[in-house]
Amino acid sequence: MVPSNSTRIHHSVFFKLKHDAGSKSEHKFLAAVKNLATIPGVEKFECLRQISEKNVFEFGLSMEFANQQFYGSYNNHPDHVAFVQEHWLKEVEDFLEIDYVVIK
């Protein structure tokens, strides 16, 4: 299902870093990821830390977009593209990405 241009998008990513927990590299990555919140169209941005052992993912990101157009603009925004190339591809060991809409 491709959302309509008026459908709100919920974007979540759960991930495990290659860095040691609490390391300087981990802190630098998390600081860089928080800059994604400044990209136009990003709403309700949250950077989350896993507290249980139910899966291997240590962190999560959650954000919303007013519609598919804002989500597409975010994906193609130079700051997002640079973050993926400079940090994500090099520092993330494993991840799960979920994009969803509210069932009405």
PDB file of N, CA and C in Angstrom:
ATOM      1  N   MET A   1       0.838  -1.188   0.000  1.00  0.00           N
ATOM      2  CA  MET A   1       0.000   0.000   0.000  1.00  0.00           C
ATOM      3  C   MET A   1       0.877   1.243   0.000  1.00  0.00           C
ATOM      4  N   VAL A   2       0.710   2.087  -0.960  1.00  0.00           N
ATOM      5  CA  VAL A   2       1.398   3.370  -1.006  1.00  0.00           C
ATOM      6  C   VAL A   2       0.476   4.400  -0.364  1.00  0.00           C
ATOM      7  N   PRO A   3       0.953   5.084   0.686  1.00  0.00           N
ATOM      8  CA  PRO A   3       0.098   6.050   1.368  1.00  0.00           C
ATOM      9  C   PRO A   3      -0.261   7.219   0.462  1.00  0.00           C
ATOM     10  N   SER A   4      -1.428   7.778   0.704  1.00  0.00           N
ATOM     11  CA  SER A   4      -1.812   8.970  -0.041  1.00  0.00           C
ATOM     12  C   SER A   4      -0.989  10.142   0.466  1.00  0.00           C
ATOM     13  N   ASN A   5      -1.026  11.229  -0.242  1.00  0.00           N
ATOM     14  CA  ASN A   5      -0.223  12.385   0.137  1.00  0.00           C
ATOM     15  C   ASN A   5      -0.743  13.061   1.393  1.00  0.00           C
ATOM     16  N   SER A   6      -1.881  12.618   1.929  1.00  0.00           N
ATOM     17  CA  SER A   6      -2.412  13.207   3.159  1.00  0.00           C
ATOM     18  C   SER A   6      -2.292  12.246   4.338  1.00  0.00           C
ATOM     19  N   THR A   7      -1.689  11.081   4.125  1.00  0.00           N
ATOM     20  CA  THR A   7      -1.568  10.072   5.171  1.00  0.00           C
ATOM     21  C   THR A   7      -0.292  10.295   5.983  1.00  0.00           C
ATOM     22  N   ARG A   8      -0.449  10.378   7.301  1.00  0.00           N
ATOM     23  CA  ARG A   8       0.680  10.576   8.217  1.00  0.00           C
ATOM     24  C   ARG A   8       1.567   9.331   8.227  1.00  0.00           C
ATOM     25  N   ILE A   9       2.900   9.507   8.146  1.00  0.00           N
ATOM     26  CA  ILE A   9       3.869   8.417   8.111  1.00  0.00           C
ATOM     27  C   ILE A   9       4.589   8.339   9.457  1.00  0.00           C
ATOM     28  N   HIS A  10       4.631   7.155  10.035  1.00  0.00           N
ATOM     29  CA  HIS A  10       5.409   6.873  11.245  1.00  0.00           C
ATOM     30  C   HIS A  10       6.634   6.068  10.797  1.00  0.00           C
ATOM     31  N   HIS A  11       7.814   6.566  11.123  1.00  0.00           N
ATOM     32  CA  HIS A  11       9.066   5.953  10.689  1.00  0.00           C
ATOM     33  C   HIS A  11       9.856   5.545  11.927  1.00  0.00           C
ATOM     34  N   SER A  12      10.186   4.270  12.030  1.00  0.00           N
ATOM     35  CA  SER A  12      10.954   3.762  13.168  1.00  0.00           C
ATOM     36  C   SER A  12      12.110   2.917  12.658  1.00  0.00           C
ATOM     37  N   VAL A  13      13.249   3.064  13.316  1.00  0.00           N
ATOM     38  CA  VAL A  13      14.423   2.268  12.993  1.00  0.00           C
ATOM     39  C   VAL A  13      15.024   1.782  14.314  1.00  0.00           C
ATOM     40  N   PHE A  14      15.281   0.493  14.382  1.00  0.00           N
ATOM     41  CA  PHE A  14      15.883  -0.108  15.560  1.00  0.00           C
ATOM     42  C   PHE A  14      17.246  -0.641  15.124  1.00  0.00           C
ATOM     43  N   PHE A  15      18.297  -0.401  15.937  1.00  0.00           N
ATOM     44  CA  PHE A  15      19.627  -0.731  15.449  1.00  0.00           C
ATOM     45  C   PHE A  15      20.597  -1.094  16.559  1.00  0.00           C
ATOM     46  N   LYS A  16      21.663  -1.766  16.123  1.00  0.00           N
ATOM     47  CA  LYS A  16      22.777  -2.149  16.984  1.00  0.00           C
ATOM     48  C   LYS A  16      24.029  -1.547  16.367  1.00  0.00           C
ATOM     49  N   LEU A  17      24.819  -0.867  17.192  1.00  0.00           N
ATOM     50  CA  LEU A  17      26.050  -0.245  16.719  1.00  0.00           C
ATOM     51  C   LEU A  17      27.233  -1.206  16.802  1.00  0.00           C
ATOM     52  N   LYS A  18      28.259  -0.923  16.024  1.00  0.00           N
ATOM     53  CA  LYS A  18      29.504  -1.676  16.071  1.00  0.00           C
ATOM     54  C   LYS A  18      30.360  -1.234  17.261  1.00  0.00           C
ATOM     55  N   HIS A  19      30.025  -0.110  17.876  1.00  0.00           N
ATOM     56  CA  HIS A  19      30.807   0.475  18.960  1.00  0.00           C
ATOM     57  C   HIS A  19      30.516  -0.188  20.305  1.00  0.00           C
ATOM     58  N   ASP A  20      31.485  -0.112  21.198  1.00  0.00           N
ATOM     59  CA  ASP A  20      31.290  -0.573  22.571  1.00  0.00           C
ATOM     60  C   ASP A  20      30.305   0.351  23.277  1.00  0.00           C
ATOM     61  N   ALA A  21      29.479  -0.223  24.145  1.00  0.00           N
ATOM     62  CA  ALA A  21      28.511   0.560  24.913  1.00  0.00           C
ATOM     63  C   ALA A  21      29.227   1.608  25.750  1.00  0.00           C
ATOM     64  N   GLY A  22      28.741   2.836  25.681  1.00  0.00           N
ATOM     65  CA  GLY A  22      29.308   3.918  26.460  1.00  0.00           C
ATOM     66  C   GLY A  22      30.580   4.532  25.902  1.00  0.00           C
ATOM     67  N   SER A  23      31.024   4.048  24.763  1.00  0.00           N
ATOM     68  CA  SER A  23      32.273   4.543  24.174  1.00  0.00           C
ATOM     69  C   SER A  23      32.093   5.951  23.593  1.00  0.00           C
ATOM     70  N   LYS A  24      33.219   6.605  23.369  1.00  0.00           N
ATOM     71  CA  LYS A  24      33.217   7.923  22.737  1.00  0.00           C
ATOM     72  C   LYS A  24      32.600   7.837  21.334  1.00  0.00           C
ATOM     73  N   SER A  25      32.897   6.762  20.625  1.00  0.00           N
ATOM     74  CA  SER A  25      32.351   6.566  19.276  1.00  0.00           C
ATOM     75  C   SER A  25      30.836   6.440  19.314  1.00  0.00           C
ATOM     76  N   GLU A  26      30.325   5.724  20.312  1.00  0.00           N
ATOM     77  CA  GLU A  26      28.869   5.603  20.459  1.00  0.00           C
ATOM     78  C   GLU A  26      28.253   6.980  20.703  1.00  0.00           C
ATOM     79  N   HIS A  27      28.845   7.759  21.589  1.00  0.00           N
ATOM     80  CA  HIS A  27      28.319   9.092  21.895  1.00  0.00           C
ATOM     81  C   HIS A  27      28.350  10.001  20.666  1.00  0.00           C
ATOM     82  N   LYS A  28      29.413   9.915  19.881  1.00  0.00           N
ATOM     83  CA  LYS A  28      29.519  10.731  18.668  1.00  0.00           C
ATOM     84  C   LYS A  28      28.444  10.341  17.653  1.00  0.00           C
ATOM     85  N   PHE A  29      28.200   9.032  17.515  1.00  0.00           N
ATOM     86  CA  PHE A  29      27.168   8.574  16.594  1.00  0.00           C
ATOM     87  C   PHE A  29      25.801   9.105  17.025  1.00  0.00           C
ATOM     88  N   LEU A  30      25.484   8.958  18.307  1.00  0.00           N
ATOM     89  CA  LEU A  30      24.178   9.395  18.810  1.00  0.00           C
ATOM     90  C   LEU A  30      24.004  10.908  18.681  1.00  0.00           C
ATOM     91  N   ALA A  31      25.073  11.660  18.849  1.00  0.00           N
ATOM     92  CA  ALA A  31      25.000  13.104  18.635  1.00  0.00           C
ATOM     93  C   ALA A  31      24.705  13.414  17.167  1.00  0.00           C
ATOM     94  N   ALA A  32      25.346  12.683  16.273  1.00  0.00           N
ATOM     95  CA  ALA A  32      25.118  12.889  14.840  1.00  0.00           C
ATOM     96  C   ALA A  32      23.695  12.512  14.445  1.00  0.00           C
ATOM     97  N   VAL A  33      23.182  11.423  15.014  1.00  0.00           N
ATOM     98  CA  VAL A  33      21.839  10.975  14.645  1.00  0.00           C
ATOM     99  C   VAL A  33      20.780  11.988  15.088  1.00  0.00           C
ATOM    100  N   LYS A  34      21.025  12.657  16.204  1.00  0.00           N
ATOM    101  CA  LYS A  34      20.052  13.639  16.698  1.00  0.00           C
ATOM    102  C   LYS A  34      19.929  14.841  15.772  1.00  0.00           C
ATOM    103  N   ASN A  35      20.935  15.074  14.937  1.00  0.00           N
ATOM    104  CA  ASN A  35      20.862  16.169  13.969  1.00  0.00           C
ATOM    105  C   ASN A  35      19.800  15.920  12.900  1.00  0.00           C
ATOM    106  N   LEU A  36      19.388  14.674  12.730  1.00  0.00           N
ATOM    107  CA  LEU A  36      18.333  14.374  11.755  1.00  0.00           C
ATOM    108  C   LEU A  36      17.023  15.070  12.109  1.00  0.00           C
ATOM    109  N   ALA A  37      16.844  15.390  13.383  1.00  0.00           N
ATOM    110  CA  ALA A  37      15.620  16.052  13.836  1.00  0.00           C
ATOM    111  C   ALA A  37      15.468  17.448  13.242  1.00  0.00           C
ATOM    112  N   THR A  38      16.556  18.022  12.746  1.00  0.00           N
ATOM    113  CA  THR A  38      16.507  19.382  12.198  1.00  0.00           C
ATOM    114  C   THR A  38      16.100  19.414  10.730  1.00  0.00           C
ATOM    115  N   ILE A  39      15.979  18.255  10.113  1.00  0.00           N
ATOM    116  CA  ILE A  39      15.592  18.206   8.698  1.00  0.00           C
ATOM    117  C   ILE A  39      14.117  18.604   8.580  1.00  0.00           C
ATOM    118  N   PRO A  40      13.792  19.499   7.652  1.00  0.00           N
ATOM    119  CA  PRO A  40      12.404  19.946   7.495  1.00  0.00           C
ATOM    120  C   PRO A  40      11.441  18.771   7.292  1.00  0.00           C
ATOM    121  N   GLY A  41      10.318  18.827   7.992  1.00  0.00           N
ATOM    122  CA  GLY A  41       9.291  17.803   7.880  1.00  0.00           C
ATOM    123  C   GLY A  41       9.342  16.760   8.977  1.00  0.00           C
ATOM    124  N   VAL A  42      10.469  16.656   9.695  1.00  0.00           N
ATOM    125  CA  VAL A  42      10.589  15.684  10.779  1.00  0.00           C
ATOM    126  C   VAL A  42       9.815  16.199  11.989  1.00  0.00           C
ATOM    127  N   GLU A  43       8.920  15.350  12.507  1.00  0.00           N
ATOM    128  CA  GLU A  43       8.127  15.685  13.687  1.00  0.00           C
ATOM    129  C   GLU A  43       8.267  14.569  14.720  1.00  0.00           C
ATOM    130  N   LYS A  44       8.094  14.914  15.960  1.00  0.00           N
ATOM    131  CA  LYS A  44       8.078  13.961  17.073  1.00  0.00           C
ATOM    132  C   LYS A  44       9.301  13.037  17.072  1.00  0.00           C
ATOM    133  N   PHE A  45      10.466  13.605  16.823  1.00  0.00           N
ATOM    134  CA  PHE A  45      11.715  12.837  16.773  1.00  0.00           C
ATOM    135  C   PHE A  45      12.090  12.352  18.166  1.00  0.00           C
ATOM    136  N   GLU A  46      12.428  11.066  18.263  1.00  0.00           N
ATOM    137  CA  GLU A  46      12.910  10.502  19.517  1.00  0.00           C
ATOM    138  C   GLU A  46      14.069   9.553  19.223  1.00  0.00           C
ATOM    139  N   CYS A  47      15.108   9.655  20.044  1.00  0.00           N
ATOM    140  CA  CYS A  47      16.220   8.714  20.012  1.00  0.00           C
ATOM    141  C   CYS A  47      16.086   7.879  21.278  1.00  0.00           C
ATOM    142  N   LEU A  48      16.001   6.560  21.125  1.00  0.00           N
ATOM    143  CA  LEU A  48      15.620   5.664  22.218  1.00  0.00           C
ATOM    144  C   LEU A  48      16.716   4.651  22.520  1.00  0.00           C
ATOM    145  N   ARG A  49      16.793   4.231  23.791  1.00  0.00           N
ATOM    146  CA  ARG A  49      17.729   3.190  24.207  1.00  0.00           C
ATOM    147  C   ARG A  49      16.927   1.995  24.708  1.00  0.00           C
ATOM    148  N   GLN A  50      17.264   0.815  24.218  1.00  0.00           N
ATOM    149  CA  GLN A  50      16.621  -0.440  24.612  1.00  0.00           C
ATOM    150  C   GLN A  50      16.937  -0.744  26.080  1.00  0.00           C
ATOM    151  N   ILE A  51      15.942  -1.214  26.841  1.00  0.00           N
ATOM    152  CA  ILE A  51      16.170  -1.532  28.251  1.00  0.00           C
ATOM    153  C   ILE A  51      15.929  -3.005  28.566  1.00  0.00           C
ATOM    154  N   SER A  52      15.521  -3.774  27.574  1.00  0.00           N
ATOM    155  CA  SER A  52      15.296  -5.200  27.820  1.00  0.00           C
ATOM    156  C   SER A  52      16.233  -6.022  26.944  1.00  0.00           C
ATOM    157  N   GLU A  53      16.191  -7.329  27.129  1.00  0.00           N
ATOM    158  CA  GLU A  53      17.030  -8.230  26.337  1.00  0.00           C
ATOM    159  C   GLU A  53      16.186  -9.052  25.359  1.00  0.00           C
ATOM    160  N   LYS A  54      15.056  -8.513  24.937  1.00  0.00           N
ATOM    161  CA  LYS A  54      14.141  -9.246  24.063  1.00  0.00           C
ATOM    162  C   LYS A  54      14.613  -9.303  22.612  1.00  0.00           C
ATOM    163  N   ASN A  55      15.571  -8.452  22.246  1.00  0.00           N
ATOM    164  CA  ASN A  55      16.124  -8.485  20.894  1.00  0.00           C
ATOM    165  C   ASN A  55      17.535  -7.918  20.929  1.00  0.00           C
ATOM    166  N   VAL A  56      18.222  -7.933  19.810  1.00  0.00           N
ATOM    167  CA  VAL A  56      19.624  -7.513  19.755  1.00  0.00           C
ATOM    168  C   VAL A  56      19.788  -6.005  19.553  1.00  0.00           C
ATOM    169  N   PHE A  57      18.712  -5.308  19.271  1.00  0.00           N
ATOM    170  CA  PHE A  57      18.816  -3.887  18.964  1.00  0.00           C
ATOM    171  C   PHE A  57      18.992  -3.071  20.239  1.00  0.00           C
ATOM    172  N   GLU A  58      19.999  -2.200  20.238  1.00  0.00           N
ATOM    173  CA  GLU A  58      20.332  -1.388  21.405  1.00  0.00           C
ATOM    174  C   GLU A  58      19.626  -0.042  21.416  1.00  0.00           C
ATOM    175  N   PHE A  59      19.322   0.479  20.228  1.00  0.00           N
ATOM    176  CA  PHE A  59      18.770   1.823  20.099  1.00  0.00           C
ATOM    177  C   PHE A  59      17.599   1.835  19.125  1.00  0.00           C
ATOM    178  N   GLY A  60      16.834   2.910  19.210  1.00  0.00           N
ATOM    179  CA  GLY A  60      15.749   3.114  18.276  1.00  0.00           C
ATOM    180  C   GLY A  60      15.634   4.576  17.916  1.00  0.00           C
ATOM    181  N   LEU A  61      15.094   4.829  16.751  1.00  0.00           N
ATOM    182  CA  LEU A  61      14.738   6.171  16.322  1.00  0.00           C
ATOM    183  C   LEU A  61      13.273   6.137  15.934  1.00  0.00           C
ATOM    184  N   SER A  62      12.566   7.150  16.309  1.00  0.00           N
ATOM    185  CA  SER A  62      11.160   7.247  15.954  1.00  0.00           C
ATOM    186  C   SER A  62      10.886   8.680  15.521  1.00  0.00           C
ATOM    187  N   MET A  63      10.169   8.820  14.436  1.00  0.00           N
ATOM    188  CA  MET A  63       9.789  10.149  13.955  1.00  0.00           C
ATOM    189  C   MET A  63       8.533  10.035  13.111  1.00  0.00           C
ATOM    190  N   GLU A  64       7.895  11.147  12.901  1.00  0.00           N
ATOM    191  CA  GLU A  64       6.684  11.183  12.089  1.00  0.00           C
ATOM    192  C   GLU A  64       6.820  12.241  11.012  1.00  0.00           C
ATOM    193  N   PHE A  65       6.038  12.027   9.943  1.00  0.00           N
ATOM    194  CA  PHE A  65       5.972  12.960   8.837  1.00  0.00           C
ATOM    195  C   PHE A  65       4.507  13.204   8.510  1.00  0.00           C
ATOM    196  N   ALA A  66       4.167  14.422   8.164  1.00  0.00           N
ATOM    197  CA  ALA A  66       2.774  14.776   7.892  1.00  0.00           C
ATOM    198  C   ALA A  66       2.203  14.001   6.716  1.00  0.00           C
ATOM    199  N   ASN A  67       3.082  13.620   5.769  1.00  0.00           N
ATOM    200  CA  ASN A  67       2.601  12.893   4.588  1.00  0.00           C
ATOM    201  C   ASN A  67       3.782  12.282   3.830  1.00  0.00           C
ATOM    202  N   GLN A  68       3.466  11.576   2.772  1.00  0.00           N
ATOM    203  CA  GLN A  68       4.480  10.886   1.970  1.00  0.00           C
ATOM    204  C   GLN A  68       5.465  11.864   1.339  1.00  0.00           C
ATOM    205  N   GLN A  69       4.995  13.041   0.964  1.00  0.00           N
ATOM    206  CA  GLN A  69       5.875  14.034   0.352  1.00  0.00           C
ATOM    207  C   GLN A  69       6.980  14.455   1.331  1.00  0.00           C
ATOM    208  N   PHE A  70       6.625  14.735   2.588  1.00  0.00           N
ATOM    209  CA  PHE A  70       7.635  15.109   3.580  1.00  0.00           C
ATOM    210  C   PHE A  70       8.592  13.953   3.855  1.00  0.00           C
ATOM    211  N   TYR A  71       8.063  12.732   3.889  1.00  0.00           N
ATOM    212  CA  TYR A  71       8.913  11.568   4.125  1.00  0.00           C
ATOM    213  C   TYR A  71       9.907  11.382   2.976  1.00  0.00           C
ATOM    214  N   GLY A  72       9.433  11.528   1.760  1.00  0.00           N
ATOM    215  CA  GLY A  72      10.312  11.430   0.594  1.00  0.00           C
ATOM    216  C   GLY A  72      11.378  12.512   0.592  1.00  0.00           C
ATOM    217  N   SER A  73      10.994  13.725   0.965  1.00  0.00           N
ATOM    218  CA  SER A  73      11.955  14.827   1.040  1.00  0.00           C
ATOM    219  C   SER A  73      13.015  14.555   2.094  1.00  0.00           C
ATOM    220  N   TYR A  74      12.611  13.977   3.229  1.00  0.00           N
ATOM    221  CA  TYR A  74      13.556  13.611   4.285  1.00  0.00           C
ATOM    222  C   TYR A  74      14.569  12.587   3.767  1.00  0.00           C
ATOM    223  N   ASN A  75      14.076  11.543   3.116  1.00  0.00           N
ATOM    224  CA  ASN A  75      14.961  10.490   2.605  1.00  0.00           C
ATOM    225  C   ASN A  75      16.000  11.024   1.621  1.00  0.00           C
ATOM    226  N   ASN A  76      15.621  12.035   0.858  1.00  0.00           N
ATOM    227  CA  ASN A  76      16.516  12.585  -0.162  1.00  0.00           C
ATOM    228  C   ASN A  76      17.252  13.841   0.290  1.00  0.00           C
ATOM    229  N   HIS A  77      16.994  14.301   1.511  1.00  0.00           N
ATOM    230  CA  HIS A  77      17.623  15.527   2.006  1.00  0.00           C
ATOM    231  C   HIS A  77      19.141  15.313   2.112  1.00  0.00           C
ATOM    232  N   PRO A  78      19.939  16.290   1.704  1.00  0.00           N
ATOM    233  CA  PRO A  78      21.399  16.140   1.739  1.00  0.00           C
ATOM    234  C   PRO A  78      21.957  15.768   3.118  1.00  0.00           C
ATOM    235  N   ASP A  79      21.350  16.281   4.195  1.00  0.00           N
ATOM    236  CA  ASP A  79      21.831  15.945   5.541  1.00  0.00           C
ATOM    237  C   ASP A  79      21.571  14.475   5.875  1.00  0.00           C
ATOM    238  N   HIS A  80      20.438  13.944   5.447  1.00  0.00           N
ATOM    239  CA  HIS A  80      20.126  12.525   5.680  1.00  0.00           C
ATOM    240  C   HIS A  80      21.042  11.641   4.837  1.00  0.00           C
ATOM    241  N   VAL A  81      21.195  11.984   3.576  1.00  0.00           N
ATOM    242  CA  VAL A  81      22.058  11.209   2.682  1.00  0.00           C
ATOM    243  C   VAL A  81      23.496  11.194   3.215  1.00  0.00           C
ATOM    244  N   ALA A  82      23.983  12.346   3.672  1.00  0.00           N
ATOM    245  CA  ALA A  82      25.343  12.426   4.216  1.00  0.00           C
ATOM    246  C   ALA A  82      25.470  11.599   5.492  1.00  0.00           C
ATOM    247  N   PHE A  83      24.458  11.648   6.361  1.00  0.00           N
ATOM    248  CA  PHE A  83      24.492  10.858   7.594  1.00  0.00           C
ATOM    249  C   PHE A  83      24.580   9.370   7.280  1.00  0.00           C
ATOM    250  N   VAL A  84      23.780   8.922   6.335  1.00  0.00           N
ATOM    251  CA  VAL A  84      23.796   7.504   5.953  1.00  0.00           C
ATOM    252  C   VAL A  84      25.182   7.110   5.446  1.00  0.00           C
ATOM    253  N   GLN A  85      25.753   7.906   4.577  1.00  0.00           N
ATOM    254  CA  GLN A  85      27.065   7.588   3.993  1.00  0.00           C
ATOM    255  C   GLN A  85      28.200   7.688   5.016  1.00  0.00           C
ATOM    256  N   GLU A  86      28.178   8.731   5.834  1.00  0.00           N
ATOM    257  CA  GLU A  86      29.300   9.000   6.741  1.00  0.00           C
ATOM    258  C   GLU A  86      29.222   8.222   8.055  1.00  0.00           C
ATOM    259  N   HIS A  87      28.022   7.863   8.484  1.00  0.00           N
ATOM    260  CA  HIS A  87      27.871   7.221   9.788  1.00  0.00           C
ATOM    261  C   HIS A  87      27.164   5.865   9.712  1.00  0.00           C
ATOM    262  N   TRP A  88      25.940   5.881   9.183  1.00  0.00           N
ATOM    263  CA  TRP A  88      25.097   4.687   9.249  1.00  0.00           C
ATOM    264  C   TRP A  88      25.756   3.462   8.625  1.00  0.00           C
ATOM    265  N   LEU A  89      26.188   3.577   7.392  1.00  0.00           N
ATOM    266  CA  LEU A  89      26.758   2.426   6.688  1.00  0.00           C
ATOM    267  C   LEU A  89      28.040   1.914   7.334  1.00  0.00           C
ATOM    268  N   LYS A  90      28.774   2.785   8.000  1.00  0.00           N
ATOM    269  CA  LYS A  90      30.054   2.417   8.613  1.00  0.00           C
ATOM    270  C   LYS A  90      29.925   1.948  10.056  1.00  0.00           C
ATOM    271  N   GLU A  91      28.903   2.414  10.783  1.00  0.00           N
ATOM    272  CA  GLU A  91      28.860   2.224  12.223  1.00  0.00           C
ATOM    273  C   GLU A  91      27.724   1.334  12.737  1.00  0.00           C
ATOM    274  N   VAL A  92      26.752   1.040  11.889  1.00  0.00           N
ATOM    275  CA  VAL A  92      25.607   0.225  12.318  1.00  0.00           C
ATOM    276  C   VAL A  92      25.855  -1.231  11.931  1.00  0.00           C
ATOM    277  N   GLU A  93      25.743  -2.089  12.918  1.00  0.00           N
ATOM    278  CA  GLU A  93      25.966  -3.522  12.701  1.00  0.00           C
ATOM    279  C   GLU A  93      24.734  -4.219  12.143  1.00  0.00           C
ATOM    280  N   ASP A  94      23.554  -3.860  12.665  1.00  0.00           N
ATOM    281  CA  ASP A  94      22.305  -4.499  12.243  1.00  0.00           C
ATOM    282  C   ASP A  94      21.165  -3.536  12.515  1.00  0.00           C
ATOM    283  N   PHE A  95      20.097  -3.626  11.710  1.00  0.00           N
ATOM    284  CA  PHE A  95      18.951  -2.745  11.944  1.00  0.00           C
ATOM    285  C   PHE A  95      17.672  -3.328  11.361  1.00  0.00           C
ATOM    286  N   LEU A  96      16.573  -2.765  11.819  1.00  0.00           N
ATOM    287  CA  LEU A  96      15.241  -3.071  11.318  1.00  0.00           C
ATOM    288  C   LEU A  96      14.536  -1.742  11.126  1.00  0.00           C
ATOM    289  N   GLU A  97      14.055  -1.490   9.930  1.00  0.00           N
ATOM    290  CA  GLU A  97      13.363  -0.239   9.622  1.00  0.00           C
ATOM    291  C   GLU A  97      11.902  -0.536   9.344  1.00  0.00           C
ATOM    292  N   ILE A  98      11.027   0.252   9.950  1.00  0.00           N
ATOM    293  CA  ILE A  98       9.590   0.052   9.784  1.00  0.00           C
ATOM    294  C   ILE A  98       8.937   1.400   9.489  1.00  0.00           C
ATOM    295  N   ASP A  99       8.180   1.466   8.413  1.00  0.00           N
ATOM    296  CA  ASP A  99       7.412   2.648   8.061  1.00  0.00           C
ATOM    297  C   ASP A  99       5.951   2.236   8.040  1.00  0.00           C
ATOM    298  N   TYR A 100       5.121   2.984   8.760  1.00  0.00           N
ATOM    299  CA  TYR A 100       3.740   2.544   8.873  1.00  0.00           C
ATOM    300  C   TYR A 100       2.793   3.728   8.976  1.00  0.00           C
ATOM    301  N   VAL A 101       1.518   3.437   8.751  1.00  0.00           N
ATOM    302  CA  VAL A 101       0.442   4.418   8.887  1.00  0.00           C
ATOM    303  C   VAL A 101      -0.560   3.862   9.887  1.00  0.00           C
ATOM    304  N   VAL A 102      -1.345   4.745  10.464  1.00  0.00           N
ATOM    305  CA  VAL A 102      -2.356   4.352  11.438  1.00  0.00           C
ATOM    306  C   VAL A 102      -3.535   3.712  10.706  1.00  0.00           C
ATOM    307  N   ILE A 103      -3.998   2.589  11.222  1.00  0.00           N
ATOM    308  CA  ILE A 103      -5.171   1.914  10.673  1.00  0.00           C
ATOM    309  C   ILE A 103      -6.418   2.623  11.202  1.00  0.00           C
ATOM    310  N   LYS A 104      -7.272   2.997  10.304  1.00  0.00           N
ATOM    311  CA  LYS A 104      -8.488   3.729  10.706  1.00  0.00           C
ATOM    312  C   LYS A 104      -9.707   2.860  10.540  1.00  0.00           C
TER     313      LYS A 104
END
